[in-house]
All heavy atoms as atom14 arrays in JSON, in Angstrom:
{
  "sequence": "CFAHVSVQPEGEAAKGGYAVVGFKVPNERDNAATTKLEVTFPSDHP",
  "atom14_mask": [
    [1, 1, 1, 1, 1, 1, 0, 0, 0, 0, 0, 0, 0, 0],
    [1, 1, 1, 1, 1, 1, 1, 1, 1, 1, 1, 0, 0, 0],
    [1, 1, 1, 1, 1, 0, 0, 0, 0, 0, 0, 0, 0, 0],
    [1, 1, 1, 1, 1, 1, 1, 1, 1, 1, 0, 0, 0, 0],
    [1, 1, 1, 1, 1, 1, 1, 0, 0, 0, 0, 0, 0, 0],
    [1, 1, 1, 1, 1, 1, 0, 0, 0, 0, 0, 0, 0, 0],
    [1, 1, 1, 1, 1, 1, 1, 0, 0, 0, 0, 0, 0, 0],
    [1, 1, 1, 1, 1, 1, 1, 1, 1, 0, 0, 0, 0, 0],
    [1, 1, 1, 1, 1, 1, 1, 0, 0, 0, 0, 0, 0, 0],
    [1, 1, 1, 1, 1, 1, 1, 1, 1, 0, 0, 0, 0, 0],
    [1, 1, 1, 1, 0, 0, 0, 0, 0, 0, 0, 0, 0, 0],
    [1, 1, 1, 1, 1, 1, 1, 1, 1, 0, 0, 0, 0, 0],
    [1, 1, 1, 1, 1, 0, 0, 0, 0, 0, 0, 0, 0, 0],
    [1, 1, 1, 1, 1, 0, 0, 0, 0, 0, 0, 0, 0, 0],
    [1, 1, 1, 1, 1, 1, 1, 1, 1, 0, 0, 0, 0, 0],
    [1, 1, 1, 1, 0, 0, 0, 0, 0, 0, 0, 0, 0, 0],
    [1, 1, 1, 1, 0, 0, 0, 0, 0, 0, 0, 0, 0, 0],
    [1, 1, 1, 1, 1, 1, 1, 1, 1, 1, 1, 1, 0, 0],
    [1, 1, 1, 1, 1, 0, 0, 0, 0, 0, 0, 0, 0, 0],
    [1, 1, 1, 1, 1, 1, 1, 0, 0, 0, 0, 0, 0, 0],
    [1, 1, 1, 1, 1, 1, 1, 0, 0, 0, 0, 0, 0, 0],
    [1, 1, 1, 1, 0, 0, 0, 0, 0, 0, 0, 0, 0, 0],
    [1, 1, 1, 1, 1, 1, 1, 1, 1, 1, 1, 0, 0, 0],
    [1, 1, 1, 1, 1, 1, 1, 1, 1, 0, 0, 0, 0, 0],
    [1, 1, 1, 1, 1, 1, 1, 0, 0, 0, 0, 0, 0, 0],
    [1, 1, 1, 1, 1, 1, 1, 0, 0, 0, 0, 0, 0, 0],
    [1, 1, 1, 1, 1, 1, 1, 1, 0, 0, 0, 0, 0, 0],
    [1, 1, 1, 1, 1, 1, 1, 1, 1, 0, 0, 0, 0, 0],
    [1, 1, 1, 1, 1, 1, 1, 1, 1, 1, 1, 0, 0, 0],
    [1, 1, 1, 1, 1, 1, 1, 1, 0, 0, 0, 0, 0, 0],
    [1, 1, 1, 1, 1, 1, 1, 1, 0, 0, 0, 0, 0, 0],
    [1, 1, 1, 1, 1, 0, 0, 0, 0, 0, 0, 0, 0, 0],
    [1, 1, 1, 1, 1, 0, 0, 0, 0, 0, 0, 0, 0, 0],
    [1, 1, 1, 1, 1, 1, 1, 0, 0, 0, 0, 0, 0, 0],
    [1, 1, 1, 1, 1, 1, 1, 0, 0, 0, 0, 0, 0, 0],
    [1, 1, 1, 1, 1, 1, 1, 1, 1, 0, 0, 0, 0, 0],
    [1, 1, 1, 1, 1, 1, 1, 1, 0, 0, 0, 0, 0, 0],
    [1, 1, 1, 1, 1, 1, 1, 1, 1, 0, 0, 0, 0, 0],
    [1, 1, 1, 1, 1, 1, 1, 0, 0, 0, 0, 0, 0, 0],
    [1, 1, 1, 1, 1, 1, 1, 0, 0, 0, 0, 0, 0, 0],
    [1, 1, 1, 1, 1, 1, 1, 1, 1, 1, 1, 0, 0, 0],
    [1, 1, 1, 1, 1, 1, 1, 0, 0, 0, 0, 0, 0, 0],
    [1, 1, 1, 1, 1, 1, 0, 0, 0, 0, 0, 0, 0, 0],
    [1, 1, 1, 1, 1, 1, 1, 1, 0, 0, 0, 0, 0, 0],
    [1, 1, 1, 1, 1, 1, 1, 1, 1, 1, 0, 0, 0, 0],
    [1, 1, 1, 1, 1, 1, 1, 0, 0, 0, 0, 0, 0, 0]
  ],
  "atom14_positions": [
    [[257.76, -35.3, 234.49], [257.18, -34.42, 235.47], [257.65, -32.99, 235.29], [257.42, -32.13, 236.13], [257.53, -34.9, 236.9], [259.31, -34.97, 237.2], [0.0, 0.0, 0.0], [0.0, 0.0, 0.0], [0.0, 0.0, 0.0], [0.0, 0.0, 0.0], [0.0, 0.0, 0.0], [0.0, 0.0, 0.0], [0.0, 0.0, 0.0], [0.0, 0.0, 0.0]],
    [[258.38, -32.72, 234.19], [258.87, -31.37, 233.97], [257.72, -30.39, 233.75], [257.68, -29.33, 234.33], [259.83, -31.36, 232.77], [260.29, -30.0, 232.39], [261.17, -29.3, 233.21], [259.85, -29.39, 231.24], [261.59, -28.02, 232.88], [260.28, -28.11, 230.9], [261.14, -27.43, 231.73], [0.0, 0.0, 0.0], [0.0, 0.0, 0.0], [0.0, 0.0, 0.0]],
    [[256.77, -30.78, 232.91], [255.65, -29.91, 232.63], [254.47, -30.74, 232.2], [254.52, -31.43, 231.17], [256.01, -28.89, 231.56], [0.0, 0.0, 0.0], [0.0, 0.0, 0.0], [0.0, 0.0, 0.0], [0.0, 0.0, 0.0], [0.0, 0.0, 0.0], [0.0, 0.0, 0.0], [0.0, 0.0, 0.0], [0.0, 0.0, 0.0], [0.0, 0.0, 0.0]],
    [[253.43, -30.73, 233.01], [252.21, -31.48, 232.63], [251.0, -30.76, 233.19], [251.09, -29.83, 233.99], [252.29, -32.93, 233.16], [252.53, -33.02, 234.63], [253.78, -33.23, 235.17], [251.69, -32.91, 235.69], [253.71, -33.27, 236.5], [252.47, -33.06, 236.83], [0.0, 0.0, 0.0], [0.0, 0.0, 0.0], [0.0, 0.0, 0.0], [0.0, 0.0, 0.0]],
    [[249.83, -31.14, 232.74], [248.6, -30.53, 233.22], [248.43, -30.86, 234.7], [248.5, -32.02, 235.11], [247.39, -31.04, 232.4], [246.11, -30.45, 232.98], [247.55, -30.66, 230.92], [0.0, 0.0, 0.0], [0.0, 0.0, 0.0], [0.0, 0.0, 0.0], [0.0, 0.0, 0.0], [0.0, 0.0, 0.0], [0.0, 0.0, 0.0], [0.0, 0.0, 0.0]],
    [[248.2, -29.86, 235.48], [248.06, -30.05, 236.94], [246.87, -29.23, 237.45], [246.34, -28.37, 236.73], [249.35, -29.61, 237.69], [249.63, -28.26, 237.42], [0.0, 0.0, 0.0], [0.0, 0.0, 0.0], [0.0, 0.0, 0.0], [0.0, 0.0, 0.0], [0.0, 0.0, 0.0], [0.0, 0.0, 0.0], [0.0, 0.0, 0.0], [0.0, 0.0, 0.0]],
    [[246.5, -29.48, 238.69], [245.39, -28.74, 239.31], [245.83, -28.31, 240.72], [246.38, -29.11, 241.48], [244.1, -29.56, 239.36], [244.28, -30.87, 240.14], [242.94, -28.75, 239.97], [0.0, 0.0, 0.0], [0.0, 0.0, 0.0], [0.0, 0.0, 0.0], [0.0, 0.0, 0.0], [0.0, 0.0, 0.0], [0.0, 0.0, 0.0], [0.0, 0.0, 0.0]],
    [[245.59, -27.05, 241.04], [245.95, -26.5, 242.35], [244.82, -25.61, 242.86], [244.2, -24.87, 242.07], [247.25, -25.68, 242.26], [248.49, -26.49, 241.96], [248.86, -27.43, 243.09], [248.56, -27.18, 244.26], [249.53, -28.52, 242.75], [0.0, 0.0, 0.0], [0.0, 0.0, 0.0], [0.0, 0.0, 0.0], [0.0, 0.0, 0.0], [0.0, 0.0, 0.0]],
    [[244.55, -25.66, 244.17], [243.51, -24.77, 244.71], [244.03, -23.35, 244.96], [245.23, -23.19, 245.19], [243.12, -25.46, 246.03], [244.41, -26.12, 246.47], [245.09, -26.56, 245.18], [0.0, 0.0, 0.0], [0.0, 0.0, 0.0], [0.0, 0.0, 0.0], [0.0, 0.0, 0.0], [0.0, 0.0, 0.0], [0.0, 0.0, 0.0], [0.0, 0.0, 0.0]],
    [[243.14, -22.4, 244.94], [243.5, -21.06, 245.39], [243.25, -20.97, 246.86], [242.13, -20.77, 247.32], [242.65, -20.0, 244.63], [242.92, -19.97, 243.12], [242.11, -18.89, 242.43], [241.42, -18.12, 243.15], [242.17, -18.8, 241.19], [0.0, 0.0, 0.0], [0.0, 0.0, 0.0], [0.0, 0.0, 0.0], [0.0, 0.0, 0.0], [0.0, 0.0, 0.0]],
    [[244.29, -21.19, 247.63], [244.16, -21.3, 249.08], [244.07, -22.77, 249.45], [244.99, -23.52, 249.15], [0.0, 0.0, 0.0], [0.0, 0.0, 0.0], [0.0, 0.0, 0.0], [0.0, 0.0, 0.0], [0.0, 0.0, 0.0], [0.0, 0.0, 0.0], [0.0, 0.0, 0.0], [0.0, 0.0, 0.0], [0.0, 0.0, 0.0], [0.0, 0.0, 0.0]],
    [[242.99, -23.19, 250.11], [242.83, -24.57, 250.5], [241.57, -25.16, 249.87], [240.59, -24.44, 249.6], [242.75, -24.7, 252.03], [244.08, -24.46, 252.74], [244.0, -24.82, 254.23], [242.87, -25.07, 254.7], [245.05, -24.84, 254.88], [0.0, 0.0, 0.0], [0.0, 0.0, 0.0], [0.0, 0.0, 0.0], [0.0, 0.0, 0.0], [0.0, 0.0, 0.0]],
    [[241.61, -26.47, 249.71], [240.43, -27.22, 249.25], [240.02, -28.1, 250.4], [240.48, -29.27, 250.51], [240.74, -28.02, 247.99], [0.0, 0.0, 0.0], [0.0, 0.0, 0.0], [0.0, 0.0, 0.0], [0.0, 0.0, 0.0], [0.0, 0.0, 0.0], [0.0, 0.0, 0.0], [0.0, 0.0, 0.0], [0.0, 0.0, 0.0], [0.0, 0.0, 0.0]],
    [[239.21, -27.6, 251.32], [238.85, -28.33, 252.54], [237.69, -29.28, 252.3], [236.75, -28.96, 251.55], [238.49, -27.34, 253.65], [0.0, 0.0, 0.0], [0.0, 0.0, 0.0], [0.0, 0.0, 0.0], [0.0, 0.0, 0.0], [0.0, 0.0, 0.0], [0.0, 0.0, 0.0], [0.0, 0.0, 0.0], [0.0, 0.0, 0.0], [0.0, 0.0, 0.0]],
    [[237.75, -30.43, 252.89], [236.67, -31.41, 252.77], [235.37, -30.82, 253.27], [235.33, -30.15, 254.32], [237.02, -32.67, 253.59], [238.28, -33.39, 253.12], [238.57, -34.61, 254.01], [239.83, -35.32, 253.6], [240.14, -36.47, 254.46], [0.0, 0.0, 0.0], [0.0, 0.0, 0.0], [0.0, 0.0, 0.0], [0.0, 0.0, 0.0], [0.0, 0.0, 0.0]],
    [[234.3, -31.08, 252.51], [233.0, -30.59, 252.9], [232.75, -29.14, 252.55], [231.64, -28.63, 252.87], [0.0, 0.0, 0.0], [0.0, 0.0, 0.0], [0.0, 0.0, 0.0], [0.0, 0.0, 0.0], [0.0, 0.0, 0.0], [0.0, 0.0, 0.0], [0.0, 0.0, 0.0], [0.0, 0.0, 0.0], [0.0, 0.0, 0.0], [0.0, 0.0, 0.0]],
    [[233.69, -28.48, 251.91], [233.53, -27.08, 251.57], [233.62, -26.84, 250.08], [233.46, -27.75, 249.25], [0.0, 0.0, 0.0], [0.0, 0.0, 0.0], [0.0, 0.0, 0.0], [0.0, 0.0, 0.0], [0.0, 0.0, 0.0], [0.0, 0.0, 0.0], [0.0, 0.0, 0.0], [0.0, 0.0, 0.0], [0.0, 0.0, 0.0], [0.0, 0.0, 0.0]],
    [[233.78, -25.58, 249.71], [233.92, -25.16, 248.33], [235.31, -24.59, 248.11], [235.97, -24.12, 249.04], [232.87, -24.12, 247.98], [231.46, -24.65, 247.88], [230.71, -24.93, 249.05], [230.86, -24.9, 246.67], [229.43, -25.42, 248.99], [229.57, -25.4, 246.56], [228.85, -25.68, 247.74], [227.59, -26.18, 247.67], [0.0, 0.0, 0.0], [0.0, 0.0, 0.0]],
    [[235.75, -24.61, 246.86], [237.08, -24.09, 246.56], [237.13, -23.66, 245.08], [236.34, -24.11, 244.26], [238.16, -25.15, 246.81], [0.0, 0.0, 0.0], [0.0, 0.0, 0.0], [0.0, 0.0, 0.0], [0.0, 0.0, 0.0], [0.0, 0.0, 0.0], [0.0, 0.0, 0.0], [0.0, 0.0, 0.0], [0.0, 0.0, 0.0], [0.0, 0.0, 0.0]],
    [[238.05, -22.77, 244.81], [238.38, -22.41, 243.41], [239.68, -23.07, 243.07], [240.69, -22.87, 243.72], [238.47, -20.89, 243.24], [238.91, -20.53, 241.82], [237.16, -20.21, 243.54], [0.0, 0.0, 0.0], [0.0, 0.0, 0.0], [0.0, 0.0, 0.0], [0.0, 0.0, 0.0], [0.0, 0.0, 0.0], [0.0, 0.0, 0.0], [0.0, 0.0, 0.0]],
    [[239.65, -23.88, 242.06], [240.85, -24.6, 241.61], [241.23, -24.14, 240.22], [240.37, -23.72, 239.44], [240.64, -26.13, 241.64], [240.26, -26.6, 243.06], [239.57, -26.55, 240.65], [0.0, 0.0, 0.0], [0.0, 0.0, 0.0], [0.0, 0.0, 0.0], [0.0, 0.0, 0.0], [0.0, 0.0, 0.0], [0.0, 0.0, 0.0], [0.0, 0.0, 0.0]],
    [[242.52, -24.22, 239.93], [243.01, -23.82, 238.62], [243.72, -24.96, 237.92], [244.62, -25.59, 238.5], [0.0, 0.0, 0.0], [0.0, 0.0, 0.0], [0.0, 0.0, 0.0], [0.0, 0.0, 0.0], [0.0, 0.0, 0.0], [0.0, 0.0, 0.0], [0.0, 0.0, 0.0], [0.0, 0.0, 0.0], [0.0, 0.0, 0.0], [0.0, 0.0, 0.0]],
    [[243.29, -25.26, 236.71], [243.97, -26.27, 235.9], [245.07, -25.55, 235.09], [244.79, -24.71, 234.26], [243.0, -26.98, 234.95], [242.02, -27.84, 235.69], [240.78, -27.34, 236.04], [242.35, -29.14, 236.03], [239.85, -28.13, 236.72], [241.42, -29.95, 236.72], [240.19, -29.44, 237.06], [0.0, 0.0, 0.0], [0.0, 0.0, 0.0], [0.0, 0.0, 0.0]],
    [[246.33, -25.88, 235.4], [247.46, -25.24, 234.78], [247.92, -26.09, 233.58], [248.23, -27.28, 233.72], [248.6, -25.08, 235.76], [249.83, -24.38, 235.22], [250.92, -24.26, 236.28], [252.16, -23.58, 235.69], [253.23, -23.49, 236.72], [0.0, 0.0, 0.0], [0.0, 0.0, 0.0], [0.0, 0.0, 0.0], [0.0, 0.0, 0.0], [0.0, 0.0, 0.0]],
    [[247.95, -25.46, 232.39], [248.25, -26.18, 231.18], [249.46, -25.55, 230.52], [249.34, -24.46, 229.88], [247.06, -26.18, 230.19], [247.38, -27.01, 228.95], [245.81, -26.71, 230.89], [0.0, 0.0, 0.0], [0.0, 0.0, 0.0], [0.0, 0.0, 0.0], [0.0, 0.0, 0.0], [0.0, 0.0, 0.0], [0.0, 0.0, 0.0], [0.0, 0.0, 0.0]],
    [[250.67, -26.15, 230.59], [251.82, -25.64, 229.88], [251.89, -26.23, 228.48], [251.35, -27.28, 228.19], [252.97, -26.16, 230.74], [252.46, -27.43, 231.31], [250.97, -27.27, 231.5], [0.0, 0.0, 0.0], [0.0, 0.0, 0.0], [0.0, 0.0, 0.0], [0.0, 0.0, 0.0], [0.0, 0.0, 0.0], [0.0, 0.0, 0.0], [0.0, 0.0, 0.0]],
    [[252.53, -25.49, 227.58], [252.75, -26.0, 226.23], [254.11, -26.69, 226.19], [255.13, -26.08, 226.46], [252.71, -24.84, 225.22], [252.63, -25.36, 223.79], [253.19, -26.39, 223.43], [251.9, -24.64, 222.96], [0.0, 0.0, 0.0], [0.0, 0.0, 0.0], [0.0, 0.0, 0.0], [0.0, 0.0, 0.0], [0.0, 0.0, 0.0], [0.0, 0.0, 0.0]],
    [[254.09, -27.98, 225.88], [255.33, -28.76, 225.89], [255.97, -28.91, 224.5], [256.96, -29.59, 224.34], [255.07, -30.17, 226.43], [254.62, -30.18, 227.89], [254.46, -31.6, 228.38], [253.71, -32.37, 227.73], [255.07, -31.95, 229.41], [0.0, 0.0, 0.0], [0.0, 0.0, 0.0], [0.0, 0.0, 0.0], [0.0, 0.0, 0.0], [0.0, 0.0, 0.0]],
    [[255.34, -28.29, 223.52], [255.84, -28.44, 222.12], [256.46, -27.12, 221.63], [256.04, -26.05, 222.02], [254.7, -28.87, 221.19], [254.03, -30.17, 221.62], [254.99, -31.34, 221.48], [254.35, -32.59, 221.87], [254.49, -33.17, 223.06], [255.23, -32.56, 224.0], [253.9, -34.31, 223.34], [0.0, 0.0, 0.0], [0.0, 0.0, 0.0], [0.0, 0.0, 0.0]],
    [[257.44, -27.28, 220.77], [258.12, -26.1, 220.2], [257.51, -25.67, 218.83], [257.77, -24.55, 218.38], [259.61, -26.38, 219.98], [260.33, -26.65, 221.29], [259.93, -26.09, 222.31], [261.31, -27.45, 221.27], [0.0, 0.0, 0.0], [0.0, 0.0, 0.0], [0.0, 0.0, 0.0], [0.0, 0.0, 0.0], [0.0, 0.0, 0.0], [0.0, 0.0, 0.0]],
    [[256.72, -26.57, 218.25], [256.2, -26.29, 216.9], [254.69, -26.35, 216.81], [254.14, -26.44, 215.73], [256.83, -27.28, 215.91], [256.52, -28.73, 216.28], [255.95, -28.97, 217.35], [256.9, -29.66, 215.41], [0.0, 0.0, 0.0], [0.0, 0.0, 0.0], [0.0, 0.0, 0.0], [0.0, 0.0, 0.0], [0.0, 0.0, 0.0], [0.0, 0.0, 0.0]],
    [[253.99, -26.31, 217.98], [252.52, -26.32, 217.95], [251.98, -25.65, 219.19], [252.67, -25.53, 220.22], [252.04, -27.79, 217.9], [0.0, 0.0, 0.0], [0.0, 0.0, 0.0], [0.0, 0.0, 0.0], [0.0, 0.0, 0.0], [0.0, 0.0, 0.0], [0.0, 0.0, 0.0], [0.0, 0.0, 0.0], [0.0, 0.0, 0.0], [0.0, 0.0, 0.0]],
    [[250.74, -25.19, 219.05], [250.09, -24.51, 220.18], [249.01, -25.44, 220.74], [248.44, -26.28, 220.04], [249.44, -23.21, 219.71], [0.0, 0.0, 0.0], [0.0, 0.0, 0.0], [0.0, 0.0, 0.0], [0.0, 0.0, 0.0], [0.0, 0.0, 0.0], [0.0, 0.0, 0.0], [0.0, 0.0, 0.0], [0.0, 0.0, 0.0], [0.0, 0.0, 0.0]],
    [[248.72, -25.28, 222.03], [247.62, -26.01, 222.66], [246.31, -25.31, 222.32], [246.16, -24.13, 222.62], [247.79, -26.09, 224.19], [248.99, -26.84, 224.49], [246.62, -26.79, 224.84], [0.0, 0.0, 0.0], [0.0, 0.0, 0.0], [0.0, 0.0, 0.0], [0.0, 0.0, 0.0], [0.0, 0.0, 0.0], [0.0, 0.0, 0.0], [0.0, 0.0, 0.0]],
    [[245.39, -26.02, 221.72], [244.15, -25.42, 221.27], [242.91, -25.96, 221.98], [241.83, -25.44, 221.8], [243.96, -25.65, 219.75], [244.03, -27.07, 219.49], [245.08, -24.95, 218.97], [0.0, 0.0, 0.0], [0.0, 0.0, 0.0], [0.0, 0.0, 0.0], [0.0, 0.0, 0.0], [0.0, 0.0, 0.0], [0.0, 0.0, 0.0], [0.0, 0.0, 0.0]],
    [[243.09, -27.02, 222.81], [241.93, -27.6, 223.46], [242.34, -28.33, 224.74], [243.4, -28.97, 224.78], [241.23, -28.57, 222.5], [239.89, -29.11, 222.98], [239.26, -30.02, 221.88], [237.92, -30.52, 222.27], [237.33, -31.39, 221.22], [0.0, 0.0, 0.0], [0.0, 0.0, 0.0], [0.0, 0.0, 0.0], [0.0, 0.0, 0.0], [0.0, 0.0, 0.0]],
    [[241.48, -28.22, 225.74], [241.69, -28.96, 227.0], [240.36, -29.56, 227.41], [239.34, -28.87, 227.5], [242.18, -28.03, 228.11], [242.27, -28.67, 229.5], [243.37, -29.72, 229.55], [242.49, -27.61, 230.57], [0.0, 0.0, 0.0], [0.0, 0.0, 0.0], [0.0, 0.0, 0.0], [0.0, 0.0, 0.0], [0.0, 0.0, 0.0], [0.0, 0.0, 0.0]],
    [[240.35, -30.85, 227.7], [239.16, -31.54, 228.17], [239.49, -32.14, 229.54], [240.45, -32.92, 229.67], [238.76, -32.69, 227.22], [238.4, -32.23, 225.81], [238.19, -33.39, 224.86], [237.17, -34.06, 224.98], [239.11, -33.64, 224.04], [0.0, 0.0, 0.0], [0.0, 0.0, 0.0], [0.0, 0.0, 0.0], [0.0, 0.0, 0.0], [0.0, 0.0, 0.0]],
    [[238.71, -31.79, 230.53], [238.93, -32.29, 231.9], [237.71, -33.11, 232.32], [236.58, -32.6, 232.29], [239.16, -31.15, 232.9], [239.27, -31.7, 234.33], [240.42, -30.38, 232.53], [0.0, 0.0, 0.0], [0.0, 0.0, 0.0], [0.0, 0.0, 0.0], [0.0, 0.0, 0.0], [0.0, 0.0, 0.0], [0.0, 0.0, 0.0], [0.0, 0.0, 0.0]],
    [[237.95, -34.35, 232.67], [236.87, -35.24, 233.14], [236.83, -35.18, 234.66], [237.83, -35.4, 235.33], [237.12, -36.69, 232.67], [237.15, -36.7, 231.24], [236.02, -37.6, 233.16], [0.0, 0.0, 0.0], [0.0, 0.0, 0.0], [0.0, 0.0, 0.0], [0.0, 0.0, 0.0], [0.0, 0.0, 0.0], [0.0, 0.0, 0.0], [0.0, 0.0, 0.0]],
    [[235.64, -34.92, 235.19], [235.47, -34.83, 236.63], [235.18, -36.22, 237.22], [234.57, -37.06, 236.55], [234.37, -33.85, 236.96], [234.81, -32.42, 236.84], [235.07, -31.89, 235.59], [234.99, -31.6, 237.97], [235.51, -30.57, 235.46], [235.39, -30.32, 237.84], [235.68, -29.77, 236.58], [0.0, 0.0, 0.0], [0.0, 0.0, 0.0], [0.0, 0.0, 0.0]],
    [[235.63, -36.45, 238.46], [235.53, -37.79, 239.05], [234.09, -38.26, 239.2], [233.25, -37.56, 239.74], [236.19, -37.65, 240.41], [236.16, -36.17, 240.71], [236.25, -35.49, 239.4], [0.0, 0.0, 0.0], [0.0, 0.0, 0.0], [0.0, 0.0, 0.0], [0.0, 0.0, 0.0], [0.0, 0.0, 0.0], [0.0, 0.0, 0.0], [0.0, 0.0, 0.0]],
    [[233.82, -39.46, 238.71], [232.48, -40.02, 238.81], [232.26, -40.73, 240.14], [231.12, -40.92, 240.56], [232.25, -41.03, 237.65], [233.23, -42.05, 237.67], [0.0, 0.0, 0.0], [0.0, 0.0, 0.0], [0.0, 0.0, 0.0], [0.0, 0.0, 0.0], [0.0, 0.0, 0.0], [0.0, 0.0, 0.0], [0.0, 0.0, 0.0], [0.0, 0.0, 0.0]],
    [[233.36, -41.14, 240.81], [233.21, -41.81, 242.1], [232.92, -40.79, 243.22], [232.41, -41.19, 244.27], [234.48, -42.63, 242.42], [235.73, -41.78, 242.39], [235.7, -40.68, 241.78], [236.76, -42.21, 242.95], [0.0, 0.0, 0.0], [0.0, 0.0, 0.0], [0.0, 0.0, 0.0], [0.0, 0.0, 0.0], [0.0, 0.0, 0.0], [0.0, 0.0, 0.0]],
    [[233.26, -39.54, 243.01], [232.92, -38.48, 243.97], [232.36, -37.29, 243.17], [233.03, -36.27, 243.0], [234.16, -38.06, 244.77], [234.65, -39.13, 245.68], [235.67, -40.0, 245.35], [234.28, -39.5, 246.95], [235.89, -40.83, 246.35], [235.07, -40.54, 247.32], [0.0, 0.0, 0.0], [0.0, 0.0, 0.0], [0.0, 0.0, 0.0], [0.0, 0.0, 0.0]],
    [[231.14, -37.41, 242.66], [230.57, -36.31, 241.86], [230.41, -35.03, 242.67], [230.14, -35.06, 243.86], [229.23, -36.86, 241.41], [228.89, -37.93, 242.41], [230.19, -38.52, 242.84], [0.0, 0.0, 0.0], [0.0, 0.0, 0.0], [0.0, 0.0, 0.0], [0.0, 0.0, 0.0], [0.0, 0.0, 0.0], [0.0, 0.0, 0.0], [0.0, 0.0, 0.0]]
  ]
}
């Protein structure tokens, strides 16, 4: 849990509304760079 891909809203993410969320991606390696991120959106709540 030291550093992993996470998602946080800017302000609040209220039910029934809209929100801006940010996917935070830290680099956990000392000898490589992160070059790609793929995020799958929930199919049970499209």
